[in-house]
C-alpha cells in the first residue's frame, strides 16, 4: 500500500533517528570495545557520573533494566576499577555508586565526541535549533516520564 506524503516524511524521520543514533553512538562504541564493554556499561558510567552517590535502586529506575542485567554490568565496572560502591550513611542497606578517577576519565572520553557531534549538528541547524531539538525529544518521551527526565537532565543548571 503506497504511503501518503505525511507517512513518507514520518518514515524518513524514524529512519533518521535510527541512523543518527547509530552514528552518535559509534565513537563511544569504539572506545568501549577496547575495554570489552558495551552500551549498558556506557549508560551506567554516564548516569553514575551525572548522579554521584546514586543508589542501585535509583539507577535501575533510570535505566529500566533488570536487576540481573545491572548486576552483571556493575560487577564488571567495579572489578575493573571504574565504579565504586559505598554503603549508605543513613540507610546501611543502600548501595551508593560513584565513579572512580578511572571511571570519570572514561566518561569524559565517551561523552567528548558526542558533545562535539551534537554541537556541530545544532550549529548546522541554525538559530533556535537547540530549543526545537529539546521540544522534539521531550515530545518523544512518554508523557508520564517527562517531568522525571527534565528533573534528571536539568538538575545541574538550577
Protein backbone atom coordinates (compact mmCIF):
# COMPACT_ATOMS: atom_id res chain seq x y z
CA UNK A 1 0.00 0.00 0.00
CA UNK A 2 1.57 3.34 -1.01
CA UNK A 3 2.36 5.85 1.71
CA UNK A 4 0.97 9.35 1.83
CA UNK A 5 3.41 12.27 1.80
CA UNK A 6 2.94 12.59 5.58
CA UNK A 7 3.59 8.90 6.16
CA UNK A 8 6.69 9.06 3.96
CA UNK A 9 8.05 12.04 5.91
CA UNK A 10 7.35 10.30 9.22
CA UNK A 11 9.08 7.13 8.00
CA UNK A 12 12.07 9.26 6.94
CA UNK A 13 12.11 10.91 10.39
CA UNK A 14 12.10 7.48 12.05
CA UNK A 15 14.93 6.29 9.84
CA UNK A 16 16.92 9.44 10.52
CA UNK A 17 16.51 8.77 14.23
CA UNK A 18 17.85 5.24 13.74
CA UNK A 19 20.77 6.39 11.60
CA UNK A 20 21.52 9.39 13.79
CA UNK A 21 21.66 7.18 16.88
CA UNK A 22 23.86 4.66 15.06
CA UNK A 23 26.43 7.32 14.25
CA UNK A 24 26.02 9.20 17.56
CA UNK A 25 26.97 6.06 19.46
CA UNK A 26 29.72 4.91 17.07
CA UNK A 27 32.55 6.86 18.73
CA UNK A 28 31.76 5.63 22.25
CA UNK A 29 31.26 2.09 20.90
CA UNK A 30 34.83 2.13 19.54
CA UNK A 31 36.18 3.33 22.91
CA UNK A 32 34.11 0.77 24.84
CA UNK A 33 35.25 -2.10 22.64
CA UNK A 34 38.84 -1.57 23.78
CA UNK A 35 37.63 -2.42 27.31
CA UNK A 36 35.34 -5.21 26.10
CA UNK A 37 32.41 -3.13 27.37
CA UNK A 38 29.11 -2.44 25.68
CA UNK A 39 26.39 0.18 25.65
CA UNK A 40 25.00 -0.93 29.01
CA UNK A 41 28.37 -0.09 30.55
CA UNK A 42 28.23 3.31 28.86
CA UNK A 43 24.79 4.07 30.29
CA UNK A 44 25.84 3.04 33.81
CA UNK A 45 29.03 5.12 33.66
CA UNK A 46 27.05 8.07 32.28
CA UNK A 47 24.32 8.08 34.92
CA UNK A 48 26.63 7.30 37.85
CA UNK A 49 28.88 10.13 36.67
CA UNK A 50 25.96 12.54 36.38
CA UNK A 51 24.49 11.43 39.73
CA UNK A 52 27.33 10.69 42.19
CA UNK A 53 26.01 8.66 45.12
CA UNK A 54 23.06 7.32 43.15
CA UNK A 55 21.59 4.19 44.68
CA UNK A 56 21.34 0.95 42.78
CA UNK A 57 17.54 1.23 43.03
CA UNK A 58 17.57 4.74 41.52
CA UNK A 59 19.86 3.59 38.71
CA UNK A 60 17.54 0.68 37.98
CA UNK A 61 14.65 3.13 37.77
CA UNK A 62 16.51 5.36 35.29
CA UNK A 63 17.81 2.55 33.09
CA UNK A 64 14.70 0.36 33.30
CA UNK A 65 16.69 -2.83 33.04
CA UNK A 66 16.55 -5.96 35.17
CA UNK A 67 18.50 -6.26 38.41
CA UNK A 68 20.32 -9.19 36.87
CA UNK A 69 21.46 -7.14 33.86
CA UNK A 70 22.61 -4.26 36.03
CA UNK A 71 24.37 -6.59 38.48
CA UNK A 72 26.48 -8.11 35.70
CA UNK A 73 27.49 -4.74 34.24
CA UNK A 74 28.06 -3.15 37.63
CA UNK A 75 30.17 -6.07 38.82
CA UNK A 76 32.44 -5.67 35.78
CA UNK A 77 32.75 -1.90 36.26
CA UNK A 78 33.54 -2.32 39.97
CA UNK A 79 36.02 -5.17 39.43
CA UNK A 80 37.82 -3.18 36.72
CA UNK A 81 38.04 -0.05 38.92
CA UNK A 82 35.65 2.31 37.12
CA UNK A 83 32.88 2.42 39.74
CA UNK A 84 33.00 2.14 43.50
CA UNK A 85 30.15 1.14 45.74
CA UNK A 86 29.69 2.53 49.24
CA UNK A 87 27.16 1.69 51.90
CA UNK A 88 24.63 4.46 52.57
CA UNK A 89 25.38 6.55 55.66
CA UNK A 90 21.74 6.87 56.76
CA UNK A 91 20.48 3.55 55.44
CA UNK A 92 23.11 0.82 55.59
CA UNK A 93 21.06 -1.29 53.16
CA UNK A 94 21.63 1.21 50.37
CA UNK A 95 24.47 0.78 47.94
CA UNK A 96 25.59 4.16 46.62
CA UNK A 97 27.60 4.34 43.42
CA UNK A 98 30.44 6.68 42.46
CA UNK A 99 32.86 6.87 39.57
CA UNK A 100 36.50 6.37 40.41
CA UNK A 101 39.11 8.60 38.78
CA UNK A 102 39.40 5.98 36.02
CA UNK A 103 35.62 5.97 35.63
CA UNK A 104 35.48 9.76 35.37
CA UNK A 105 38.21 9.64 32.72
CA UNK A 106 36.27 7.01 30.77
CA UNK A 107 33.09 9.09 30.99
CA UNK A 108 34.95 12.13 29.65
CA UNK A 109 36.36 10.10 26.75
CA UNK A 110 32.90 8.72 25.92
CA UNK A 111 31.00 12.00 26.09
CA UNK A 112 33.55 14.27 24.36
CA UNK A 113 32.87 13.07 20.79
CA UNK A 114 29.13 13.04 21.45
CA UNK A 115 29.17 16.62 22.71
CA UNK A 116 31.11 17.66 19.64
CA UNK A 117 28.70 15.83 17.33
CA UNK A 118 25.67 17.50 18.98
CA UNK A 119 27.41 20.90 18.98
CA UNK A 120 28.09 20.64 15.23
CA UNK A 121 24.57 19.42 14.48
CA UNK A 122 22.92 22.25 16.42
CA UNK A 123 25.26 24.80 14.86
CA UNK A 124 24.46 23.48 11.37
CA UNK A 125 20.73 23.62 12.12
CA UNK A 126 20.94 27.31 12.98
CA UNK A 127 19.25 29.65 15.40
CA UNK A 128 16.57 28.13 17.59
CA UNK A 129 17.67 24.58 16.85
CA UNK A 130 18.55 23.76 20.46
CA UNK A 131 15.07 24.69 21.71
CA UNK A 132 13.44 22.85 18.79
CA UNK A 133 15.57 19.76 19.48
CA UNK A 134 14.61 19.74 23.17
CA UNK A 135 10.95 20.17 22.27
CA UNK A 136 11.02 17.22 19.87
CA UNK A 137 12.98 14.98 22.23
CA UNK A 138 10.66 15.72 25.16
CA UNK A 139 7.65 15.10 22.94
CA UNK A 140 9.05 11.66 22.05
CA UNK A 141 9.04 10.69 25.73
CA UNK A 142 6.01 9.06 27.25
CA UNK A 143 4.10 11.88 28.91
CA UNK A 144 4.32 10.31 32.37
CA UNK A 145 8.16 10.30 32.11
CA UNK A 146 8.71 13.90 31.04
CA UNK A 147 8.89 15.53 34.48
CA UNK A 148 11.30 12.88 35.77
CA UNK A 149 13.57 13.22 32.73
CA UNK A 150 13.50 17.01 32.89
CA UNK A 151 14.50 16.85 36.57
CA UNK A 152 17.34 14.43 35.79
CA UNK A 153 18.82 16.38 32.91
CA UNK A 154 18.46 19.91 34.37
CA UNK A 155 19.50 19.28 37.98
CA UNK A 156 22.92 20.90 37.44
CA UNK A 157 21.56 24.02 35.78
CA UNK A 158 19.29 25.04 38.67
